[in-house]
Amino acid sequence: MKAVDTVALVLLIVGGLNWLLVGLFEFDLVATLFGDMTLLSRIVYVLVGLSALWCLRFFSFLTDNRDHRTTTR
């Protein structure tokens, strides 16, 4: 499960950086690397979107009230 979390997080960061480039410079890195809406670029976009859905589960970690810094005596 940790490997899936790591891959999803990396893909989500790549997608976020791509949107940053689109917003600031109107430069779509995915389209530049893989072509404008080719099968490969669509796969990248879908994987980034699925990663975002997968990472929604991380919100449960934010609401976890347990203190993980407890000391044992």
N, C-alpha and C. Protein backbone atom coordinates (compact mmCIF):
# COMPACT_ATOMS: atom_id res chain seq x y z
N MET A 1 0.82 -1.19 0.00
CA MET A 1 0.00 0.00 0.00
C MET A 1 0.87 1.26 0.00
N LYS A 2 2.02 1.20 0.66
CA LYS A 2 2.89 2.37 0.70
C LYS A 2 3.40 2.72 -0.69
N ALA A 3 3.68 1.73 -1.51
CA ALA A 3 4.15 1.99 -2.87
C ALA A 3 3.08 2.70 -3.69
N VAL A 4 1.83 2.27 -3.54
CA VAL A 4 0.73 2.91 -4.27
C VAL A 4 0.57 4.36 -3.80
N ASP A 5 0.67 4.58 -2.50
CA ASP A 5 0.58 5.94 -1.96
C ASP A 5 1.69 6.82 -2.52
N THR A 6 2.89 6.28 -2.59
CA THR A 6 4.04 7.05 -3.08
C THR A 6 3.87 7.39 -4.55
N VAL A 7 3.47 6.42 -5.36
CA VAL A 7 3.27 6.66 -6.79
C VAL A 7 2.15 7.68 -6.99
N ALA A 8 1.07 7.55 -6.25
CA ALA A 8 -0.04 8.49 -6.37
C ALA A 8 0.39 9.90 -5.99
N LEU A 9 1.18 10.03 -4.93
CA LEU A 9 1.63 11.34 -4.51
C LEU A 9 2.57 11.96 -5.54
N VAL A 10 3.46 11.17 -6.10
CA VAL A 10 4.37 11.67 -7.14
C VAL A 10 3.59 12.14 -8.36
N LEU A 11 2.62 11.34 -8.80
CA LEU A 11 1.81 11.72 -9.95
C LEU A 11 1.00 12.98 -9.66
N LEU A 12 0.51 13.10 -8.45
CA LEU A 12 -0.25 14.29 -8.08
C LEU A 12 0.64 15.53 -8.08
N ILE A 13 1.86 15.40 -7.63
CA ILE A 13 2.80 16.52 -7.65
C ILE A 13 3.14 16.89 -9.09
N VAL A 14 3.38 15.89 -9.95
CA VAL A 14 3.64 16.16 -11.36
C VAL A 14 2.46 16.89 -11.99
N GLY A 15 1.27 16.45 -11.69
CA GLY A 15 0.08 17.11 -12.22
C GLY A 15 -0.06 18.53 -11.72
N GLY A 16 0.24 18.73 -10.44
CA GLY A 16 0.17 20.08 -9.88
C GLY A 16 1.19 21.01 -10.51
N LEU A 17 2.39 20.51 -10.71
CA LEU A 17 3.42 21.32 -11.36
C LEU A 17 3.05 21.62 -12.81
N ASN A 18 2.43 20.66 -13.48
CA ASN A 18 1.98 20.91 -14.85
C ASN A 18 0.94 22.02 -14.87
N TRP A 19 -0.01 22.00 -13.93
CA TRP A 19 -1.01 23.06 -13.87
C TRP A 19 -0.39 24.41 -13.52
N LEU A 20 0.65 24.39 -12.69
CA LEU A 20 1.37 25.63 -12.38
C LEU A 20 1.97 26.23 -13.66
N LEU A 21 2.59 25.37 -14.46
CA LEU A 21 3.17 25.83 -15.72
C LEU A 21 2.10 26.35 -16.68
N VAL A 22 0.96 25.66 -16.72
CA VAL A 22 -0.14 26.11 -17.58
C VAL A 22 -0.64 27.47 -17.12
N GLY A 23 -0.82 27.62 -15.82
CA GLY A 23 -1.35 28.88 -15.29
C GLY A 23 -0.41 30.05 -15.44
N LEU A 24 0.88 29.82 -15.22
CA LEU A 24 1.83 30.93 -15.27
C LEU A 24 2.32 31.24 -16.68
N PHE A 25 2.56 30.20 -17.47
CA PHE A 25 3.23 30.40 -18.75
C PHE A 25 2.47 29.86 -19.95
N GLU A 26 1.26 29.34 -19.72
CA GLU A 26 0.48 28.70 -20.78
C GLU A 26 1.31 27.62 -21.48
N PHE A 27 2.05 26.85 -20.68
CA PHE A 27 2.92 25.80 -21.18
C PHE A 27 2.49 24.48 -20.57
N ASP A 28 2.00 23.57 -21.40
CA ASP A 28 1.55 22.25 -20.95
C ASP A 28 2.68 21.25 -21.17
N LEU A 29 3.37 20.89 -20.10
CA LEU A 29 4.52 20.00 -20.19
C LEU A 29 4.13 18.62 -20.70
N VAL A 30 2.99 18.12 -20.25
CA VAL A 30 2.54 16.79 -20.69
C VAL A 30 2.29 16.78 -22.19
N ALA A 31 1.63 17.81 -22.68
CA ALA A 31 1.36 17.91 -24.12
C ALA A 31 2.65 18.08 -24.90
N THR A 32 3.61 18.79 -24.34
CA THR A 32 4.89 18.99 -25.02
C THR A 32 5.66 17.68 -25.11
N LEU A 33 5.64 16.91 -24.03
CA LEU A 33 6.40 15.66 -24.00
C LEU A 33 5.74 14.54 -24.79
N PHE A 34 4.41 14.44 -24.70
CA PHE A 34 3.72 13.28 -25.25
C PHE A 34 2.77 13.60 -26.40
N GLY A 35 2.65 14.86 -26.77
CA GLY A 35 1.75 15.25 -27.85
C GLY A 35 0.43 15.75 -27.30
N ASP A 36 -0.22 16.57 -28.08
CA ASP A 36 -1.48 17.19 -27.67
C ASP A 36 -2.62 16.18 -27.78
N MET A 37 -3.06 15.69 -26.64
CA MET A 37 -4.17 14.74 -26.51
C MET A 37 -3.94 13.44 -27.29
N THR A 38 -2.70 12.98 -27.32
CA THR A 38 -2.42 11.66 -27.86
C THR A 38 -2.85 10.63 -26.81
N LEU A 39 -2.79 9.38 -27.19
CA LEU A 39 -3.17 8.33 -26.25
C LEU A 39 -2.28 8.37 -25.01
N LEU A 40 -0.99 8.58 -25.21
CA LEU A 40 -0.06 8.60 -24.08
C LEU A 40 -0.32 9.78 -23.15
N SER A 41 -0.58 10.95 -23.71
CA SER A 41 -0.87 12.11 -22.85
C SER A 41 -2.20 11.92 -22.12
N ARG A 42 -3.18 11.31 -22.76
CA ARG A 42 -4.45 11.03 -22.08
C ARG A 42 -4.24 10.05 -20.93
N ILE A 43 -3.38 9.07 -21.12
CA ILE A 43 -3.08 8.12 -20.04
C ILE A 43 -2.46 8.85 -18.86
N VAL A 44 -1.53 9.78 -19.14
CA VAL A 44 -0.90 10.55 -18.07
C VAL A 44 -1.96 11.37 -17.33
N TYR A 45 -2.83 12.05 -18.07
CA TYR A 45 -3.88 12.85 -17.43
C TYR A 45 -4.81 11.98 -16.58
N VAL A 46 -5.18 10.82 -17.09
CA VAL A 46 -6.05 9.91 -16.34
C VAL A 46 -5.36 9.42 -15.07
N LEU A 47 -4.08 9.06 -15.19
CA LEU A 47 -3.34 8.59 -14.01
C LEU A 47 -3.21 9.69 -12.95
N VAL A 48 -3.00 10.92 -13.38
CA VAL A 48 -2.94 12.03 -12.43
C VAL A 48 -4.30 12.22 -11.75
N GLY A 49 -5.36 12.14 -12.52
CA GLY A 49 -6.70 12.27 -11.95
C GLY A 49 -7.03 11.15 -10.97
N LEU A 50 -6.68 9.93 -11.33
CA LEU A 50 -6.90 8.80 -10.42
C LEU A 50 -6.06 8.94 -9.16
N SER A 51 -4.86 9.48 -9.31
CA SER A 51 -4.02 9.72 -8.14
C SER A 51 -4.65 10.73 -7.21
N ALA A 52 -5.26 11.76 -7.77
CA ALA A 52 -5.95 12.75 -6.94
C ALA A 52 -7.10 12.09 -6.17
N LEU A 53 -7.84 11.24 -6.83
CA LEU A 53 -8.92 10.53 -6.14
C LEU A 53 -8.38 9.64 -5.04
N TRP A 54 -7.29 8.95 -5.32
CA TRP A 54 -6.67 8.06 -4.33
C TRP A 54 -6.19 8.87 -3.12
N CYS A 55 -5.62 10.04 -3.37
CA CYS A 55 -5.06 10.85 -2.29
C CYS A 55 -6.14 11.52 -1.43
N LEU A 56 -7.38 11.48 -1.85
CA LEU A 56 -8.46 12.01 -1.02
C LEU A 56 -8.51 11.29 0.33
N ARG A 57 -8.06 10.06 0.35
CA ARG A 57 -8.09 9.30 1.59
C ARG A 57 -7.13 9.86 2.64
N PHE A 58 -6.17 10.68 2.20
CA PHE A 58 -5.23 11.27 3.15
C PHE A 58 -5.90 12.28 4.07
N PHE A 59 -7.07 12.78 3.71
CA PHE A 59 -7.79 13.70 4.59
C PHE A 59 -8.12 13.05 5.93
N SER A 60 -8.30 11.75 5.93
CA SER A 60 -8.60 11.07 7.19
C SER A 60 -7.43 11.18 8.16
N PHE A 61 -6.22 11.31 7.65
CA PHE A 61 -5.06 11.47 8.52
C PHE A 61 -5.05 12.83 9.20
N LEU A 62 -5.65 13.82 8.57
CA LEU A 62 -5.69 15.16 9.15
C LEU A 62 -6.64 15.24 10.33
N THR A 63 -7.66 14.40 10.33
CA THR A 63 -8.65 14.45 11.40
C THR A 63 -8.38 13.42 12.48
N ASP A 64 -7.26 12.75 12.41
CA ASP A 64 -6.89 11.75 13.41
C ASP A 64 -6.49 12.47 14.69
N ASN A 65 -7.24 12.26 15.76
CA ASN A 65 -7.02 12.98 17.01
C ASN A 65 -5.99 12.31 17.92
N ARG A 66 -5.49 11.17 17.54
CA ARG A 66 -4.50 10.50 18.38
C ARG A 66 -3.19 11.26 18.36
N ASP A 67 -2.54 11.34 19.51
CA ASP A 67 -1.25 12.00 19.61
C ASP A 67 -0.17 10.98 19.34
N HIS A 68 0.53 11.13 18.26
CA HIS A 68 1.56 10.16 17.89
C HIS A 68 2.89 10.42 18.58
N ARG A 69 2.95 11.44 19.41
CA ARG A 69 4.19 11.76 20.10
C ARG A 69 4.16 11.33 21.55
N THR A 70 3.32 10.37 21.86
CA THR A 70 3.24 9.93 23.25
C THR A 70 4.50 9.19 23.64
N THR A 71 4.87 9.33 24.87
CA THR A 71 6.06 8.65 25.36
C THR A 71 5.64 7.47 26.22
N THR A 72 6.47 6.47 26.22
CA THR A 72 6.19 5.30 27.04
C THR A 72 7.03 5.40 28.32
N ARG A 73 6.43 5.01 29.41
CA ARG A 73 7.14 5.07 30.70
C ARG A 73 7.20 3.73 31.32
